[in-house]
Amino acid sequence: MFKKKSQTSIWKEKRRFHALSLEKKGWKQKDIAIALDVSKGAVSQWLQASKKKGKAGLLACPHTGRHPELADKEKQSIPDLLSHGAESYGFQGDVWTCRRVRKMIEMEFGVSYHKSHVARLLKELKWTPQQPVERAAQRNEEAIAD
C-alpha cells in the first residue's frame, strides 16, 4: 500500500530534476547549489543517484511509517471476535469500550495498542464501540416511567 505523494515531495522532485538538467547544460555543482539554494553536497548526491539509477534515483520515496503489528487478515477478524460479546472475554457486562477492545486484541494476538489507536482501528473497520451507560443500581425504572 503506497501513500500518495505530498506537495512537498513533488516540488523537491522537480528541484532534483532541474539540477540534473542544469548539470547537462554544463553548469558546475557549486553554481547549481547556489541557483537552487541547496548545499553542494545535496547536488552531489542527486547527481550520483541519477548516474546510478537514472531518473528513478531522483524520484521521491514516500515514507511508509511503521509496519502494522496486526496482519490484514487479523485486523479483518476483529469484528467477528467482537460479535462473541465482551462477557466471553471475561468482562462484566456485554459492552465493548476501546479499553476492552484493546485488551481483547492483546489476548487474541499478543499485540498491545494504545486505546486511541484502537478507536482509529475500529473506525477503519466501520465498527463503533459502545460507551457504557452509567446508572445508579438503586434506580427504579417503574417510578421514572410514571
Protein backbone atom coordinates (compact mmCIF):
# COMPACT_ATOMS: atom_id res chain seq x y z
CA MET A 1 0.00 0.00 0.00
CA PHE A 2 1.65 3.22 -1.18
CA LYS A 3 0.99 6.67 0.10
CA LYS A 4 0.14 9.47 -2.27
CA LYS A 5 2.97 11.93 -2.94
CA SER A 6 2.64 15.15 -1.00
CA GLN A 7 3.05 18.61 -2.49
CA THR A 8 6.40 18.81 -0.68
CA SER A 9 7.65 15.68 -2.43
CA ILE A 10 6.57 16.96 -5.83
CA TRP A 11 8.45 20.27 -5.70
CA LYS A 12 11.51 18.55 -4.25
CA GLU A 13 11.47 16.08 -7.15
CA LYS A 14 11.18 18.95 -9.62
CA ARG A 15 14.14 20.65 -7.95
CA ARG A 16 16.26 17.48 -8.32
CA PHE A 17 15.31 17.10 -11.98
CA HIS A 18 16.08 20.80 -12.53
CA ALA A 19 19.53 20.24 -11.03
CA LEU A 20 20.08 17.35 -13.45
CA SER A 21 19.05 19.48 -16.44
CA LEU A 22 21.37 22.30 -15.33
CA GLU A 23 24.23 19.82 -15.00
CA LYS A 24 23.57 18.57 -18.54
CA LYS A 25 23.76 22.19 -19.75
CA GLY A 26 27.29 22.34 -18.34
CA TRP A 27 26.68 24.08 -15.01
CA LYS A 28 29.11 23.37 -12.18
CA GLN A 29 27.79 21.74 -9.00
CA LYS A 30 28.52 24.81 -6.87
CA ASP A 31 26.56 27.04 -9.29
CA ILE A 32 23.62 24.62 -9.30
CA ALA A 33 23.68 24.63 -5.49
CA ILE A 34 23.62 28.44 -5.39
CA ALA A 35 20.84 28.66 -8.01
CA LEU A 36 18.64 26.13 -6.20
CA ASP A 37 19.57 27.33 -2.70
CA VAL A 38 20.81 23.94 -1.54
CA SER A 39 24.16 22.59 -0.37
CA LYS A 40 26.84 21.39 -2.77
CA GLY A 41 26.62 18.01 -1.03
CA ALA A 42 22.92 17.72 -1.88
CA VAL A 43 23.59 18.43 -5.55
CA SER A 44 26.41 15.87 -5.50
CA GLN A 45 24.11 13.22 -4.00
CA TRP A 46 21.39 13.92 -6.57
CA LEU A 47 23.79 13.65 -9.49
CA GLN A 48 25.31 10.43 -8.09
CA ALA A 49 21.82 8.95 -7.67
CA SER A 50 20.90 9.85 -11.24
CA LYS A 51 24.12 8.22 -12.53
CA LYS A 52 23.46 5.01 -10.58
CA LYS A 53 19.70 4.65 -11.03
CA GLY A 54 18.82 7.07 -13.80
CA LYS A 55 15.77 9.28 -13.35
CA ALA A 56 14.34 6.80 -10.86
CA GLY A 57 17.11 7.84 -8.47
CA LEU A 58 15.64 11.34 -8.28
CA LEU A 59 12.06 10.32 -7.52
CA ALA A 60 10.66 10.89 -4.05
CA CYS A 61 10.25 7.81 -1.91
CA PRO A 62 7.20 8.09 0.33
CA HIS A 63 7.81 7.36 3.99
CA THR A 64 5.55 4.45 4.76
CA GLY A 65 5.83 4.70 8.52
CA ARG A 66 5.86 1.86 10.97
CA HIS A 67 4.74 -1.55 9.76
CA PRO A 68 1.36 -2.61 11.20
CA GLU A 69 1.60 -5.11 14.02
CA LEU A 70 -1.61 -6.86 13.00
CA ALA A 71 -1.78 -8.53 9.61
CA ASP A 72 -4.73 -7.54 7.42
CA LYS A 73 -6.37 -10.92 7.98
CA GLU A 74 -6.10 -10.50 11.76
CA LYS A 75 -7.44 -6.95 11.58
CA GLN A 76 -10.41 -8.06 9.48
CA SER A 77 -11.23 -10.78 12.04
CA ILE A 78 -11.71 -8.24 14.88
CA PRO A 79 -15.45 -7.55 14.22
CA ASP A 80 -16.11 -11.30 14.24
CA LEU A 81 -14.30 -11.65 17.58
CA LEU A 82 -16.26 -8.70 18.98
CA SER A 83 -19.52 -10.36 17.96
CA HIS A 84 -18.89 -13.05 20.60
CA GLY A 85 -19.54 -10.41 23.24
CA ALA A 86 -17.45 -8.78 25.93
CA GLU A 87 -18.53 -11.29 28.57
CA SER A 88 -16.94 -14.14 26.59
CA TYR A 89 -13.60 -12.43 27.26
CA GLY A 90 -14.23 -12.16 30.99
CA PHE A 91 -15.56 -8.61 31.13
CA GLN A 92 -18.54 -7.79 33.32
CA GLY A 93 -21.40 -6.55 31.15
CA ASP A 94 -21.68 -7.10 27.42
CA VAL A 95 -20.45 -3.67 26.36
CA TRP A 96 -17.34 -3.03 24.25
CA THR A 97 -15.22 0.03 25.00
CA CYS A 98 -11.87 0.94 23.45
CA ARG A 99 -10.07 -0.25 26.57
CA ARG A 100 -11.83 -3.60 26.45
CA VAL A 101 -11.18 -4.00 22.71
CA ARG A 102 -7.54 -3.18 23.39
CA LYS A 103 -7.35 -5.96 25.99
CA MET A 104 -9.16 -8.38 23.67
CA ILE A 105 -6.62 -7.68 20.88
CA GLU A 106 -3.81 -8.25 23.35
CA MET A 107 -5.35 -11.56 24.47
CA GLU A 108 -6.04 -12.82 20.94
CA PHE A 109 -3.00 -11.57 19.04
CA GLY A 110 -0.43 -10.60 21.67
CA VAL A 111 -0.31 -7.05 20.28
CA SER A 112 -0.64 -4.06 22.58
CA TYR A 113 -2.18 -0.87 21.17
CA HIS A 114 -2.92 2.49 22.77
CA LYS A 115 -6.65 2.95 23.34
CA SER A 116 -6.68 5.95 20.97
CA HIS A 117 -5.25 3.82 18.21
CA VAL A 118 -7.91 1.20 18.90
CA ALA A 119 -10.54 3.86 18.23
CA ARG A 120 -8.96 4.63 14.84
CA LEU A 121 -8.68 0.93 14.08
CA LEU A 122 -12.37 0.36 14.86
CA LYS A 123 -13.36 3.37 12.78
CA GLU A 124 -11.38 1.94 9.86
CA LEU A 125 -13.31 -1.32 10.30
CA LYS A 126 -16.59 0.68 10.44
CA TRP A 127 -17.32 -0.65 13.92
CA THR A 128 -18.23 1.68 16.78
CA PRO A 129 -17.59 0.82 20.40
CA GLN A 130 -20.43 1.28 22.84
CA GLN A 131 -19.96 3.50 25.82
CA PRO A 132 -21.48 2.04 28.97
CA VAL A 133 -24.47 3.90 30.35
CA GLU A 134 -23.80 4.70 33.97
CA ARG A 135 -26.95 4.43 36.08
CA ALA A 136 -27.44 4.02 39.77
CA ALA A 137 -28.04 0.43 40.86
CA GLN A 138 -30.93 1.61 43.09
CA ARG A 139 -32.73 3.23 40.15
CA ASN A 140 -36.46 2.41 39.99
CA GLU A 141 -37.43 2.24 36.32
CA GLU A 142 -41.21 1.99 37.09
CA ALA A 143 -41.18 5.15 39.19
CA ILE A 144 -39.30 7.01 36.47
CA ALA A 145 -41.74 5.87 33.77
CA ASP A 146 -44.78 7.27 35.68
